[in-house]
Amino acid sequence: MNEGVRLLIVGVGVIGRAHAQRVQVMAGCTLAGIAGPSAAGAAFAAELGVPHWNGIDAALEVGKLVAVQGSALFHKPAAYFSEAPWRTQRGGGPILTDMVHEVDYLRLLAGDIVEVQAFASNARRGFEVEDTAAISLRFASGALGSFVLSDVAASTRTWEQTSGENEACVRDTTEACYLVTGERGSLAVPTLRLQTAVGDPSWFEPMAVRTLATPQADPLQRQLAHFCAVVRREATPLVSARDATRTLQAKLAIAEAATSDRAVRCGAPPP
């Protein structure tokens, strides 16, 4: 189907939001994404089910979204399970306890997830629940994704260790846990290493490489400050009930796919 003119909205002020909402319902054009470094931009993009870009340069240089690769590969020590045996039982595996955060990240990077397939294994730990899963995803934009999840993998390719969000985990600034690829380039996250085609994209030609700048701040402190502002009615929530519902739908669809040996639709977006 011809999707018409693809438009990127820069900024999420009153006018930016009005334009984005009209693009979504107007024939002959498609909302390609939202660009802007603010948390409000990320939340608005997630609400609309489209990709979010911290800057317009990265959005334009990567081009139309093709695929997303992600990983949460880490090793939970034995004490993690011995101190809470429910984690070894049904409902305690990494798909239901950890994947919800990764679905949030995937939706932020690539928009709404509409269909998933998954394989799960408990071959390493032998618990009742899985210790490893491989997941395929289809996004509303037509882009595809793959994700590998394991809590028994000795690796640092997980958000907590690559981003430094969780100070209890040893940080690895050399690794990325997500790769967003487009028709003209790719962006590694959270390192923000951007590769772009110099001329016409070709695997026979070198690509330009640079690392985007990003402000350093304590994310938990920023979350708490925003939460308090919402309680005082000084701000509106950056993450809506719709976001939470869509993330939960996708996570439960992954769990169902892992046990049913079939692709599972994620359900219609809530109103």
Foldseek 3Di string as FASTA:
>chain_A
DDQAAEDEQEDDDPVSVVVQVCQVPDGRYDHQAYEDQDLLRLLSRQVVFHEYYNHPVQDVQQARWAEKEFEAFAADDPVVCVVPVCLLDPCNECLNVPCLVVLLVCCSGGGFWWKKAKAFDCVPVPGNDGQKMKMKTAGPSRHIYIYIYGRHGHDQLRCCACVVQDVVDDHDVVDFGMWTGHLFWIAGPPQRWIWGCPPHDDPVDGTDIDHDDDDDDRVVVVVVVVVVCVVVVNDDDSHDPQSSLSSVLVSVQHVCNNPPVDMGTSDDRDD
